[in-house]
Amino acid sequence: MPPTQNPSAPGPTHYDLLEVESTASVSELRQAFRQLSKRYHPDTTSLPQAQAQESFRQLQQAYAVLSDPISRNRYDSQLLQPPGPIPPSGVPAQPPPRTSTSRPVAVRRALSGGEWFALLLLGLALVLSLVLGLGVAWARGAAFVRTPSWWPEAVAAAPDSPPDSPFTDAHLAP
């Protein structure tokens, strides 16, 4: 995947990176982003790590721009403008101004119905296990809180009074 270029420069556009038409809806953009992110995510691809990270970063940037209606309109208007004049070779070109879309934005999604159902089942299994365990213990007549078997021996072996500590005032008495 080639690097993302300035919208007014020739090369791949954000639409090209996401492999969608410029008339794609938000849901089509989301679907394309999800499919491509599975393909180019550094943890799931066979591409070299550096190339996968760069490709995934470009996908995130393209999706961040195109999924926001305001930034998408701004981007589309930049695509329609002809490229500016090329500066003479002696004059350094100024870098494009930083926009709010220059940082990748984390994409958060709501939990699906199946995920909510799995969480509900997990919670119910936990509560049922707790109730079942306490019920069986109660039916057997077991005590819920027991004294450990080693406790009487530890109490018998403990001295009646604690030893003098250098941190108490007992050693300072005349």
N, C-alpha and C. Protein backbone atom coordinates (compact mmCIF):
# COMPACT_ATOMS: atom_id res chain seq x y z
N MET A 1 0.85 -1.17 0.00
CA MET A 1 0.00 0.00 0.00
C MET A 1 0.89 1.23 0.00
N PRO A 2 0.80 2.10 -1.00
CA PRO A 2 1.65 3.29 -1.05
C PRO A 2 1.25 4.29 0.01
N PRO A 3 2.16 5.19 0.36
CA PRO A 3 1.85 6.15 1.41
C PRO A 3 0.74 7.11 1.01
N THR A 4 0.02 7.62 2.00
CA THR A 4 -1.05 8.59 1.79
C THR A 4 -0.44 9.91 1.36
N GLN A 5 -1.06 10.54 0.38
CA GLN A 5 -0.53 11.79 -0.11
C GLN A 5 -1.49 12.91 0.19
N ASN A 6 -1.01 14.12 0.02
CA ASN A 6 -1.83 15.31 0.17
C ASN A 6 -3.00 15.20 -0.80
N PRO A 7 -4.20 15.58 -0.42
CA PRO A 7 -5.35 15.43 -1.31
C PRO A 7 -5.16 16.10 -2.65
N SER A 8 -4.42 17.19 -2.70
CA SER A 8 -4.25 17.89 -3.97
C SER A 8 -3.12 17.29 -4.80
N ALA A 9 -2.32 16.40 -4.24
CA ALA A 9 -1.22 15.78 -4.96
C ALA A 9 -1.72 14.51 -5.65
N PRO A 10 -1.10 14.16 -6.79
CA PRO A 10 -1.52 12.93 -7.46
C PRO A 10 -1.12 11.72 -6.61
N GLY A 11 -1.89 10.68 -6.70
CA GLY A 11 -1.61 9.47 -5.93
C GLY A 11 -2.89 8.94 -5.32
N PRO A 12 -2.76 7.97 -4.45
CA PRO A 12 -3.97 7.37 -3.88
C PRO A 12 -4.69 8.33 -2.94
N THR A 13 -5.97 8.34 -3.06
CA THR A 13 -6.80 9.15 -2.16
C THR A 13 -7.24 8.27 -1.00
N HIS A 14 -7.90 8.88 -0.05
CA HIS A 14 -8.43 8.09 1.06
C HIS A 14 -9.46 7.08 0.55
N TYR A 15 -10.17 7.44 -0.49
CA TYR A 15 -11.14 6.51 -1.08
C TYR A 15 -10.41 5.31 -1.69
N ASP A 16 -9.27 5.58 -2.34
CA ASP A 16 -8.48 4.48 -2.91
C ASP A 16 -7.95 3.56 -1.81
N LEU A 17 -7.50 4.16 -0.72
CA LEU A 17 -6.95 3.35 0.38
C LEU A 17 -8.02 2.44 0.98
N LEU A 18 -9.24 2.95 1.09
CA LEU A 18 -10.33 2.15 1.65
C LEU A 18 -11.05 1.31 0.59
N GLU A 19 -10.62 1.45 -0.67
CA GLU A 19 -11.17 0.69 -1.79
C GLU A 19 -12.68 0.87 -1.92
N VAL A 20 -13.13 2.14 -1.84
CA VAL A 20 -14.54 2.47 -1.99
C VAL A 20 -14.67 3.61 -3.00
N GLU A 21 -15.89 3.81 -3.47
CA GLU A 21 -16.18 4.93 -4.35
C GLU A 21 -16.31 6.20 -3.52
N SER A 22 -16.19 7.35 -4.18
CA SER A 22 -16.30 8.62 -3.46
C SER A 22 -17.74 8.88 -3.01
N THR A 23 -18.68 8.10 -3.49
CA THR A 23 -20.08 8.26 -3.09
C THR A 23 -20.48 7.25 -2.01
N ALA A 24 -19.53 6.56 -1.43
CA ALA A 24 -19.81 5.50 -0.45
C ALA A 24 -20.48 6.09 0.79
N SER A 25 -21.41 5.33 1.34
CA SER A 25 -22.09 5.76 2.57
C SER A 25 -21.20 5.47 3.78
N VAL A 26 -21.63 5.96 4.92
CA VAL A 26 -20.86 5.75 6.15
C VAL A 26 -20.79 4.26 6.48
N SER A 27 -21.88 3.54 6.27
CA SER A 27 -21.86 2.10 6.57
C SER A 27 -20.94 1.35 5.61
N GLU A 28 -20.89 1.77 4.34
CA GLU A 28 -19.96 1.14 3.40
C GLU A 28 -18.52 1.44 3.78
N LEU A 29 -18.27 2.67 4.24
CA LEU A 29 -16.92 3.01 4.71
C LEU A 29 -16.53 2.15 5.90
N ARG A 30 -17.45 2.00 6.85
CA ARG A 30 -17.17 1.21 8.04
C ARG A 30 -16.88 -0.24 7.67
N GLN A 31 -17.68 -0.80 6.77
CA GLN A 31 -17.49 -2.18 6.36
C GLN A 31 -16.14 -2.35 5.65
N ALA A 32 -15.81 -1.42 4.76
CA ALA A 32 -14.53 -1.49 4.06
C ALA A 32 -13.37 -1.36 5.04
N PHE A 33 -13.51 -0.45 6.01
CA PHE A 33 -12.44 -0.27 7.00
C PHE A 33 -12.25 -1.54 7.82
N ARG A 34 -13.33 -2.16 8.24
CA ARG A 34 -13.21 -3.38 9.05
C ARG A 34 -12.54 -4.50 8.26
N GLN A 35 -12.93 -4.67 7.00
CA GLN A 35 -12.33 -5.73 6.20
C GLN A 35 -10.84 -5.47 5.97
N LEU A 36 -10.50 -4.23 5.62
CA LEU A 36 -9.10 -3.91 5.36
C LEU A 36 -8.28 -3.90 6.63
N SER A 37 -8.88 -3.51 7.75
CA SER A 37 -8.11 -3.51 8.99
C SER A 37 -7.78 -4.94 9.41
N LYS A 38 -8.64 -5.89 9.11
CA LYS A 38 -8.31 -7.29 9.38
C LYS A 38 -7.15 -7.74 8.49
N ARG A 39 -7.14 -7.26 7.26
CA ARG A 39 -6.09 -7.64 6.32
C ARG A 39 -4.75 -7.01 6.67
N TYR A 40 -4.75 -5.75 7.12
CA TYR A 40 -3.49 -5.02 7.31
C TYR A 40 -3.11 -4.81 8.78
N HIS A 41 -3.89 -5.31 9.73
CA HIS A 41 -3.53 -5.12 11.14
C HIS A 41 -2.20 -5.82 11.42
N PRO A 42 -1.27 -5.16 12.11
CA PRO A 42 0.05 -5.75 12.34
C PRO A 42 0.02 -7.11 13.05
N ASP A 43 -1.01 -7.39 13.82
CA ASP A 43 -1.08 -8.66 14.54
C ASP A 43 -1.66 -9.79 13.69
N THR A 44 -2.32 -9.47 12.58
CA THR A 44 -3.00 -10.51 11.81
C THR A 44 -2.51 -10.65 10.38
N THR A 45 -1.53 -9.89 9.95
CA THR A 45 -1.10 -9.93 8.56
C THR A 45 0.24 -10.64 8.42
N SER A 46 0.52 -11.08 7.20
CA SER A 46 1.81 -11.72 6.93
C SER A 46 2.81 -10.71 6.36
N LEU A 47 2.40 -9.45 6.24
CA LEU A 47 3.31 -8.41 5.77
C LEU A 47 4.38 -8.14 6.81
N PRO A 48 5.52 -7.56 6.39
CA PRO A 48 6.53 -7.15 7.38
C PRO A 48 5.92 -6.16 8.37
N GLN A 49 6.40 -6.20 9.59
CA GLN A 49 5.82 -5.41 10.68
C GLN A 49 5.75 -3.92 10.35
N ALA A 50 6.84 -3.35 9.83
CA ALA A 50 6.87 -1.91 9.53
C ALA A 50 5.85 -1.56 8.45
N GLN A 51 5.78 -2.38 7.42
CA GLN A 51 4.83 -2.11 6.33
C GLN A 51 3.39 -2.26 6.82
N ALA A 52 3.14 -3.26 7.65
CA ALA A 52 1.79 -3.46 8.19
C ALA A 52 1.38 -2.29 9.07
N GLN A 53 2.30 -1.81 9.91
CA GLN A 53 1.98 -0.68 10.78
C GLN A 53 1.67 0.57 9.96
N GLU A 54 2.47 0.82 8.93
CA GLU A 54 2.25 2.01 8.09
C GLU A 54 0.92 1.89 7.34
N SER A 55 0.65 0.72 6.77
CA SER A 55 -0.61 0.52 6.05
C SER A 55 -1.81 0.68 6.97
N PHE A 56 -1.71 0.12 8.16
CA PHE A 56 -2.82 0.21 9.10
C PHE A 56 -3.01 1.65 9.57
N ARG A 57 -1.92 2.38 9.78
CA ARG A 57 -2.01 3.78 10.18
C ARG A 57 -2.70 4.60 9.08
N GLN A 58 -2.36 4.32 7.83
CA GLN A 58 -2.98 5.03 6.71
C GLN A 58 -4.47 4.71 6.63
N LEU A 59 -4.83 3.45 6.86
CA LEU A 59 -6.24 3.08 6.87
C LEU A 59 -7.00 3.83 7.96
N GLN A 60 -6.41 3.89 9.15
CA GLN A 60 -7.06 4.59 10.25
C GLN A 60 -7.23 6.07 9.93
N GLN A 61 -6.21 6.67 9.33
CA GLN A 61 -6.29 8.09 9.00
C GLN A 61 -7.37 8.32 7.94
N ALA A 62 -7.39 7.48 6.92
CA ALA A 62 -8.39 7.63 5.86
C ALA A 62 -9.80 7.46 6.43
N TYR A 63 -9.98 6.48 7.29
CA TYR A 63 -11.30 6.27 7.87
C TYR A 63 -11.70 7.42 8.79
N ALA A 64 -10.74 7.94 9.54
CA ALA A 64 -11.03 9.07 10.44
C ALA A 64 -11.50 10.28 9.64
N VAL A 65 -10.89 10.53 8.51
CA VAL A 65 -11.27 11.68 7.68
C VAL A 65 -12.63 11.45 7.04
N LEU A 66 -12.83 10.28 6.46
CA LEU A 66 -14.04 10.04 5.67
C LEU A 66 -15.27 9.71 6.53
N SER A 67 -15.08 9.25 7.75
CA SER A 67 -16.24 8.93 8.57
C SER A 67 -16.85 10.16 9.24
N ASP A 68 -16.10 11.24 9.32
CA ASP A 68 -16.62 12.49 9.89
C ASP A 68 -17.15 13.35 8.74
N PRO A 69 -18.44 13.70 8.73
CA PRO A 69 -19.01 14.44 7.60
C PRO A 69 -18.31 15.77 7.32
N ILE A 70 -17.92 16.50 8.36
CA ILE A 70 -17.29 17.81 8.14
C ILE A 70 -15.92 17.65 7.50
N SER A 71 -15.10 16.75 8.06
CA SER A 71 -13.76 16.57 7.49
C SER A 71 -13.84 15.92 6.11
N ARG A 72 -14.88 15.10 5.87
CA ARG A 72 -15.04 14.50 4.54
C ARG A 72 -15.37 15.57 3.50
N ASN A 73 -16.27 16.50 3.86
CA ASN A 73 -16.59 17.59 2.92
C ASN A 73 -15.36 18.43 2.63
N ARG A 74 -14.58 18.73 3.66
CA ARG A 74 -13.36 19.51 3.47
C ARG A 74 -12.38 18.75 2.57
N TYR A 75 -12.24 17.45 2.81
CA TYR A 75 -11.34 16.62 2.01
C TYR A 75 -11.81 16.55 0.55
N ASP A 76 -13.12 16.36 0.35
CA ASP A 76 -13.66 16.30 -1.01
C ASP A 76 -13.44 17.62 -1.75
N SER A 77 -13.60 18.74 -1.05
CA SER A 77 -13.38 20.03 -1.72
C SER A 77 -11.91 20.21 -2.07
N GLN A 78 -11.01 19.68 -1.25
CA GLN A 78 -9.58 19.75 -1.58
C GLN A 78 -9.25 18.88 -2.78
N LEU A 79 -9.96 17.77 -2.92
CA LEU A 79 -9.72 16.89 -4.07
C LEU A 79 -10.13 17.57 -5.38
N LEU A 80 -11.18 18.41 -5.31
CA LEU A 80 -11.67 19.06 -6.52
C LEU A 80 -10.83 20.25 -6.93
N GLN A 81 -10.06 20.83 -6.00
CA GLN A 81 -9.22 21.99 -6.32
C GLN A 81 -8.01 21.53 -7.13
N PRO A 82 -7.61 22.34 -8.12
CA PRO A 82 -6.40 21.99 -8.87
C PRO A 82 -5.18 22.18 -7.97
N PRO A 83 -4.12 21.42 -8.22
CA PRO A 83 -2.92 21.58 -7.39
C PRO A 83 -2.34 22.97 -7.54
N GLY A 84 -1.78 23.48 -6.45
CA GLY A 84 -1.19 24.82 -6.45
C GLY A 84 0.07 24.86 -7.30
N PRO A 85 0.60 26.08 -7.50
CA PRO A 85 1.82 26.20 -8.31
C PRO A 85 2.99 25.51 -7.60
N ILE A 86 3.87 24.95 -8.40
CA ILE A 86 5.05 24.28 -7.86
C ILE A 86 6.08 25.35 -7.54
N PRO A 87 6.60 25.38 -6.30
CA PRO A 87 7.57 26.42 -5.94
C PRO A 87 8.88 26.19 -6.68
N PRO A 88 9.63 27.26 -6.92
CA PRO A 88 10.94 27.10 -7.56
C PRO A 88 11.83 26.21 -6.69
N SER A 89 12.82 25.59 -7.34
CA SER A 89 13.65 24.63 -6.63
C SER A 89 14.46 25.26 -5.51
N GLY A 90 14.74 26.54 -5.57
CA GLY A 90 15.52 27.20 -4.52
C GLY A 90 14.70 27.52 -3.29
N VAL A 91 13.38 27.56 -3.42
CA VAL A 91 12.51 27.91 -2.31
C VAL A 91 11.97 26.61 -1.69
N PRO A 92 12.21 26.41 -0.40
CA PRO A 92 11.70 25.18 0.21
C PRO A 92 10.18 25.22 0.31
N ALA A 93 9.57 24.10 0.03
CA ALA A 93 8.11 24.00 0.12
C ALA A 93 7.71 23.95 1.59
N GLN A 94 6.63 24.66 1.91
CA GLN A 94 6.16 24.65 3.28
C GLN A 94 5.35 23.38 3.52
N PRO A 95 5.52 22.78 4.68
CA PRO A 95 4.72 21.58 4.96
C PRO A 95 3.25 21.95 5.08
N PRO A 96 2.37 21.02 4.76
CA PRO A 96 0.94 21.31 4.89
C PRO A 96 0.60 21.58 6.35
N PRO A 97 -0.37 22.45 6.60
CA PRO A 97 -0.74 22.74 7.98
C PRO A 97 -1.31 21.50 8.66
N ARG A 98 -1.02 21.37 9.94
CA ARG A 98 -1.54 20.23 10.70
C ARG A 98 -3.04 20.41 10.92
N THR A 99 -3.74 19.36 10.68
CA THR A 99 -5.18 19.39 10.92
C THR A 99 -5.50 18.43 12.06
N SER A 100 -6.72 18.47 12.48
CA SER A 100 -7.12 17.59 13.58
C SER A 100 -7.14 16.13 13.15
N THR A 101 -7.08 15.86 11.84
CA THR A 101 -7.12 14.48 11.36
C THR A 101 -5.74 13.89 11.17
N SER A 102 -4.69 14.61 11.55
CA SER A 102 -3.35 14.08 11.34
C SER A 102 -3.02 12.98 12.33
N ARG A 103 -3.77 12.88 13.41
CA ARG A 103 -3.56 11.80 14.38
C ARG A 103 -4.59 10.72 14.15
N PRO A 104 -4.18 9.46 14.21
CA PRO A 104 -5.17 8.40 14.08
C PRO A 104 -6.16 8.44 15.24
N VAL A 105 -7.38 8.15 14.95
CA VAL A 105 -8.43 8.18 15.95
C VAL A 105 -8.84 6.74 16.24
N ALA A 106 -8.92 6.41 17.50
CA ALA A 106 -9.35 5.07 17.88
C ALA A 106 -10.81 4.89 17.48
N VAL A 107 -11.09 3.76 16.88
CA VAL A 107 -12.45 3.48 16.43
C VAL A 107 -13.11 2.60 17.48
N ARG A 108 -14.14 3.13 18.10
CA ARG A 108 -14.87 2.38 19.11
C ARG A 108 -16.22 1.99 18.53
N ARG A 109 -16.64 0.82 18.88
CA ARG A 109 -17.94 0.37 18.39
C ARG A 109 -18.75 -0.17 19.55
N ALA A 110 -20.03 -0.18 19.37
CA ALA A 110 -20.92 -0.71 20.40
C ALA A 110 -20.85 -2.23 20.39
N LEU A 111 -21.17 -2.82 21.53
CA LEU A 111 -21.20 -4.28 21.60
C LEU A 111 -22.39 -4.80 20.80
N SER A 112 -22.18 -5.91 20.13
CA SER A 112 -23.27 -6.49 19.35
C SER A 112 -24.21 -7.25 20.28
N GLY A 113 -25.33 -7.65 19.74
CA GLY A 113 -26.30 -8.40 20.53
C GLY A 113 -25.73 -9.71 21.03
N GLY A 114 -24.94 -10.38 20.20
CA GLY A 114 -24.33 -11.64 20.60
C GLY A 114 -23.33 -11.45 21.73
N GLU A 115 -22.60 -10.34 21.70
CA GLU A 115 -21.64 -10.07 22.77
C GLU A 115 -22.36 -9.76 24.09
N TRP A 116 -23.46 -9.01 24.01
CA TRP A 116 -24.25 -8.75 25.22
C TRP A 116 -24.81 -10.05 25.78
N PHE A 117 -25.28 -10.93 24.90
CA PHE A 117 -25.82 -12.21 25.34
C PHE A 117 -24.75 -13.05 26.01
N ALA A 118 -23.53 -13.07 25.45
CA ALA A 118 -22.43 -13.82 26.06
C ALA A 118 -22.08 -13.27 27.43
N LEU A 119 -22.08 -11.95 27.59
CA LEU A 119 -21.81 -11.35 28.90
C LEU A 119 -22.90 -11.71 29.90
N LEU A 120 -24.15 -11.71 29.44
CA LEU A 120 -25.26 -12.08 30.31
C LEU A 120 -25.13 -13.53 30.77
N LEU A 121 -24.81 -14.43 29.85
CA LEU A 121 -24.62 -15.83 30.21
C LEU A 121 -23.46 -16.01 31.18
N LEU A 122 -22.39 -15.28 30.98
CA LEU A 122 -21.24 -15.35 31.88
C LEU A 122 -21.63 -14.91 33.29
N GLY A 123 -22.35 -13.81 33.40
CA GLY A 123 -22.81 -13.34 34.70
C GLY A 123 -23.74 -14.32 35.37
N LEU A 124 -24.68 -14.87 34.60
CA LEU A 124 -25.61 -15.86 35.16
C LEU A 124 -24.87 -17.11 35.63
N ALA A 125 -23.88 -17.56 34.87
CA ALA A 125 -23.11 -18.74 35.27
C ALA A 125 -22.35 -18.47 36.56
N LEU A 126 -21.82 -17.28 36.72
CA LEU A 126 -21.11 -16.92 37.94
C LEU A 126 -22.05 -16.92 39.14
N VAL A 127 -23.20 -16.29 39.01
CA VAL A 127 -24.17 -16.24 40.11
C VAL A 127 -24.68 -17.64 40.44
N LEU A 128 -24.99 -18.43 39.42
CA LEU A 128 -25.47 -19.79 39.65
C LEU A 128 -24.42 -20.63 40.35
N SER A 129 -23.16 -20.50 39.98
CA SER A 129 -22.08 -21.25 40.63
C SER A 129 -21.97 -20.87 42.10
N LEU A 130 -22.07 -19.60 42.39
CA LEU A 130 -21.98 -19.13 43.77
C LEU A 130 -23.15 -19.67 44.60
N VAL A 131 -24.36 -19.56 44.08
CA VAL A 131 -25.54 -20.05 44.79
C VAL A 131 -25.47 -21.56 44.97
N LEU A 132 -25.06 -22.28 43.95
CA LEU A 132 -24.96 -23.73 44.03
C LEU A 132 -23.92 -24.15 45.07
N GLY A 133 -22.77 -23.51 45.06
CA GLY A 133 -21.72 -23.84 46.03
C GLY A 133 -22.15 -23.58 47.45
N LEU A 134 -22.77 -22.43 47.70
CA LEU A 134 -23.25 -22.12 49.05
C LEU A 134 -24.39 -23.05 49.46
N GLY A 135 -25.25 -23.41 48.53
CA GLY A 135 -26.37 -24.32 48.82
C GLY A 135 -25.88 -25.71 49.19
N VAL A 136 -24.90 -26.22 48.47
CA VAL A 136 -24.36 -27.55 48.78
C VAL A 136 -23.67 -27.52 50.14
N ALA A 137 -22.91 -26.48 50.42
CA ALA A 137 -22.23 -26.37 51.72
C ALA A 137 -23.25 -26.28 52.85
N TRP A 138 -24.31 -25.54 52.66
CA TRP A 138 -25.35 -25.41 53.68
C TRP A 138 -26.07 -26.74 53.89
N ALA A 139 -26.35 -27.47 52.79
CA ALA A 139 -27.04 -28.75 52.88
C ALA A 139 -26.20 -29.78 53.62
N ARG A 140 -24.91 -29.74 53.49
CA ARG A 140 -24.02 -30.66 54.18
C ARG A 140 -23.81 -30.26 55.64
N GLY A 141 -24.24 -29.07 55.98
CA GLY A 141 -24.08 -28.60 57.35
C GLY A 141 -22.68 -28.06 57.62
N ALA A 142 -21.96 -27.74 56.59
CA ALA A 142 -20.61 -27.23 56.76
C ALA A 142 -20.66 -25.78 57.22
N ALA A 143 -19.69 -25.42 58.02
CA ALA A 143 -19.60 -24.03 58.47
C ALA A 143 -19.04 -23.18 57.33
N PHE A 144 -19.58 -22.00 57.18
CA PHE A 144 -19.12 -21.14 56.10
C PHE A 144 -17.75 -20.53 56.42
N VAL A 145 -17.47 -20.34 57.73
CA VAL A 145 -16.18 -19.81 58.14
C VAL A 145 -15.59 -20.82 59.11
N ARG A 146 -14.43 -21.32 58.78
CA ARG A 146 -13.78 -22.32 59.61
C ARG A 146 -12.47 -21.79 60.16
N THR A 147 -12.11 -22.27 61.34
CA THR A 147 -10.80 -21.98 61.90
C THR A 147 -9.82 -22.96 61.27
N PRO A 148 -8.69 -22.48 60.78
CA PRO A 148 -7.73 -23.40 60.17
C PRO A 148 -7.22 -24.42 61.18
N SER A 149 -6.85 -25.60 60.70
CA SER A 149 -6.40 -26.67 61.58
C SER A 149 -5.12 -26.31 62.33
N TRP A 150 -4.32 -25.45 61.81
CA TRP A 150 -3.05 -25.08 62.45
C TRP A 150 -3.22 -23.95 63.47
N TRP A 151 -4.39 -23.35 63.59
CA TRP A 151 -4.60 -22.20 64.46
C TRP A 151 -4.35 -22.49 65.95
N PRO A 152 -4.87 -23.58 66.52
CA PRO A 152 -4.62 -23.84 67.95
C PRO A 152 -3.13 -23.99 68.27
N GLU A 153 -2.39 -24.63 67.37
CA GLU A 153 -0.95 -24.79 67.59
C GLU A 153 -0.25 -23.45 67.54
N ALA A 154 -0.66 -22.57 66.66
CA ALA A 154 -0.03 -21.26 66.54
C ALA A 154 -0.33 -20.41 67.77
N VAL A 155 -1.53 -20.51 68.30
CA VAL A 155 -1.89 -19.74 69.49
C VAL A 155 -1.11 -20.26 70.70
N ALA A 156 -0.95 -21.59 70.81
CA ALA A 156 -0.22 -22.17 71.93
C ALA A 156 1.26 -21.82 71.87
N ALA A 157 1.83 -21.74 70.69
CA ALA A 157 3.25 -21.45 70.53
C ALA A 157 3.55 -19.96 70.66
N ALA A 158 2.57 -19.11 70.58
CA ALA A 158 2.80 -17.66 70.66
C ALA A 158 3.13 -17.27 72.09
N PRO A 159 4.08 -16.35 72.29
CA PRO A 159 4.40 -15.89 73.65
C PRO A 159 3.23 -15.09 74.23
N ASP A 160 3.18 -15.04 75.57
CA ASP A 160 2.09 -14.33 76.23
C ASP A 160 2.19 -12.82 76.03
N SER A 161 3.42 -12.29 76.05
CA SER A 161 3.59 -10.85 75.84
C SER A 161 4.59 -10.65 74.72
N PRO A 162 4.41 -9.62 73.95
CA PRO A 162 5.35 -9.39 72.85
C PRO A 162 6.71 -8.97 73.40
N PRO A 163 7.79 -9.30 72.70
CA PRO A 163 9.12 -8.90 73.16
C PRO A 163 9.26 -7.39 73.07
N ASP A 164 10.19 -6.88 73.91
CA ASP A 164 10.44 -5.43 73.86
C ASP A 164 10.98 -5.08 72.48
N SER A 165 10.46 -4.03 71.98
CA SER A 165 10.86 -3.58 70.66
C SER A 165 11.70 -2.33 70.79
N PRO A 166 12.71 -2.16 69.95
CA PRO A 166 13.50 -0.93 70.02
C PRO A 166 12.67 0.30 69.63
N PHE A 167 11.50 0.08 69.10
CA PHE A 167 10.67 1.20 68.67
C PHE A 167 9.69 1.65 69.74
N THR A 168 9.67 0.97 70.88
CA THR A 168 8.79 1.39 71.97
C THR A 168 9.60 2.17 73.00
N ASP A 169 8.90 2.79 73.94
CA ASP A 169 9.57 3.60 74.96
C ASP A 169 10.09 2.75 76.11
N ALA A 170 9.86 1.42 76.11
CA ALA A 170 10.25 0.56 77.23
C ALA A 170 11.77 0.55 77.43
N HIS A 171 12.55 0.60 76.39
CA HIS A 171 14.00 0.54 76.53
C HIS A 171 14.60 1.89 76.95
N LEU A 172 13.81 2.95 76.97
CA LEU A 172 14.30 4.27 77.37
C LEU A 172 14.12 4.53 78.86
N ALA A 173 13.40 3.66 79.56
CA ALA A 173 13.15 3.88 80.99
C ALA A 173 14.45 3.72 81.78
N PRO A 174 14.69 4.57 82.85
CA PRO A 174 15.95 4.49 83.62
C PRO A 174 16.01 3.32 84.56
